[in-house]
Protein backbone atom coordinates (compact mmCIF):
# COMPACT_ATOMS: atom_id res chain seq x y z
CA MET A 1 148.26 92.99 77.70
CA THR A 2 145.87 94.74 79.78
CA GLN A 3 144.35 93.43 82.71
CA GLN A 4 141.53 92.84 83.39
CA LYS A 5 139.12 94.27 86.12
CA LYS A 6 136.80 91.98 88.03
CA GLN A 7 133.41 93.49 88.03
CA THR A 8 132.29 94.75 91.79
CA ARG A 9 128.75 95.75 90.83
CA ARG A 10 125.89 94.26 90.77
CA SER A 11 122.43 95.25 89.60
CA ILE A 12 118.78 95.46 91.35
CA SER A 13 115.58 96.32 89.93
CA VAL A 14 113.20 99.11 90.27
CA ARG A 15 109.51 99.68 89.45
CA GLY A 16 109.46 102.43 86.58
CA ASP A 17 107.60 104.58 88.20
CA ILE A 18 110.20 104.55 91.92
CA TYR A 19 113.13 105.08 89.09
CA ASP A 20 111.88 107.72 87.20
CA ARG A 21 111.22 109.70 90.38
CA VAL A 22 115.38 108.61 91.59
CA HIS A 23 116.21 109.48 88.46
CA LYS A 24 114.19 113.30 88.79
CA TYR A 25 115.87 113.71 92.46
CA CYS A 26 118.63 113.43 91.77
CA GLN A 27 119.69 115.63 89.08
CA ASP A 28 117.34 118.38 90.35
CA ASN A 29 120.10 117.62 93.07
CA ASP A 30 122.45 116.96 91.43
CA THR A 31 124.16 113.72 92.48
CA SER A 32 124.52 110.49 90.83
CA MET A 33 121.79 107.54 90.77
CA SER A 34 124.68 105.14 92.79
CA SER A 35 125.97 107.53 95.50
CA PHE A 36 122.17 107.92 95.68
CA VAL A 37 120.74 104.75 96.54
CA GLU A 38 123.43 102.83 97.71
CA ASP A 39 124.08 105.62 100.63
CA ARG A 40 120.08 105.36 101.48
CA ILE A 41 120.52 101.69 101.17
CA LEU A 42 123.81 101.46 103.85
CA ASN A 43 122.49 104.20 105.87
CA TYR A 44 119.43 102.02 106.63
CA LEU A 45 121.03 98.61 106.72
CA ASP A 46 123.42 100.59 109.74
CA GLY A 47 119.99 101.61 111.23
CA VAL A 48 120.74 105.09 110.65
CA GLU A 49 117.92 107.06 109.15
CA ASP A 50 113.90 105.24 108.98
CA LEU A 51 113.25 104.80 106.14
CA PRO A 52 109.64 106.93 105.29
CA PRO A 53 107.04 104.44 103.93
CA ARG A 54 107.04 103.84 100.54
CA THR A 55 103.74 105.44 99.11
CA GLU A 56 101.36 108.17 99.87
CA VAL A 57 99.04 104.78 101.53
CA GLU A 58 101.49 104.10 103.18
CA LYS A 59 101.75 107.19 105.14
CA VAL A 60 98.37 107.50 105.64
CA VAL A 61 98.07 103.84 107.34
CA THR A 62 101.07 104.67 109.60
CA VAL A 63 99.60 107.88 110.18
CA ILE A 64 96.10 106.33 111.98
CA GLU A 65 97.97 103.29 113.14
CA LYS A 66 100.10 105.68 115.30
CA THR A 67 96.93 107.56 116.46
CA ILE A 68 93.84 105.55 117.03
CA GLU A 69 93.96 102.16 119.16
CA VAL A 70 92.56 99.52 117.16
CA PRO A 71 90.56 96.81 118.05
CA GLN A 72 91.53 93.36 118.52
CA VAL A 73 89.21 90.45 117.22
CA SER A 74 88.95 87.67 118.44
CA VAL A 75 87.15 84.38 115.84
CA GLU A 76 85.56 81.35 117.47
CA VAL A 77 87.18 78.43 115.93
CA ARG A 78 84.73 75.50 115.80
CA ASP A 79 85.71 71.75 116.27
CA GLU A 80 83.20 70.51 113.45
CA PRO A 81 82.01 72.10 110.11
CA VAL A 82 79.77 75.00 109.66
CA ASN A 83 77.12 73.92 106.23
CA LEU A 84 76.25 77.32 104.73
CA ILE A 85 74.65 75.81 102.02
CA PRO A 86 70.89 73.93 102.98
CA PRO A 87 70.47 70.26 101.84
CA PRO A 88 68.15 69.73 98.84
CA PRO A 89 64.96 68.89 99.31
CA GLN A 90 63.74 65.27 99.78
CA ILE A 91 62.73 63.74 96.51
CA LYS A 92 59.91 61.69 97.77
CA ARG A 93 57.94 58.85 95.73
CA ASP A 94 55.63 59.76 96.26
CA ASN A 95 55.89 63.12 94.63
CA PHE A 96 56.19 60.89 91.02
CA ASN A 97 53.45 58.34 91.35
CA ASP A 98 51.87 59.32 88.33
CA LEU A 99 55.22 58.72 86.08
CA ASP A 100 57.13 56.10 84.67
CA GLU A 101 61.02 56.05 85.44
CA LYS A 102 61.55 56.91 82.35
CA GLN A 103 60.00 60.82 83.50
CA ILE A 104 61.04 60.64 86.49
CA ARG A 105 65.15 60.71 85.72
CA GLU A 106 64.15 63.62 82.76
CA GLU A 107 62.32 65.35 85.71
CA ILE A 108 65.93 64.68 88.41
CA ARG A 109 68.15 66.06 85.29
CA GLN A 110 65.66 69.26 84.39
CA HIS A 111 66.31 70.29 88.60
CA PHE A 112 69.28 68.69 89.47
CA THR A 113 73.33 69.62 88.31
CA PHE A 114 75.89 67.30 89.39
């Protein structure tokens, strides 16, 4: 009877575009994807190397953050809520003197949504 080895490898999922880049890099540099990824992760966790930002946009943002001073923004917090929507106009009976109750209800229904 043969002894089965206990599986010690696990998997990590990455986006397709990252997989393709790593695959191409490893092919071009004649190295295995597993060893490349494991080495990079271990180096990062051990503090041996700082990994570059993941995207070109993040690289640009990092450069900008290092070269310009971003002003601090202060926000005023109020204890009471601010009413951003003006209240509806007052409905006065004087505006409906010529209408009966049913007509008033219909007028209100046409102008207001509940």
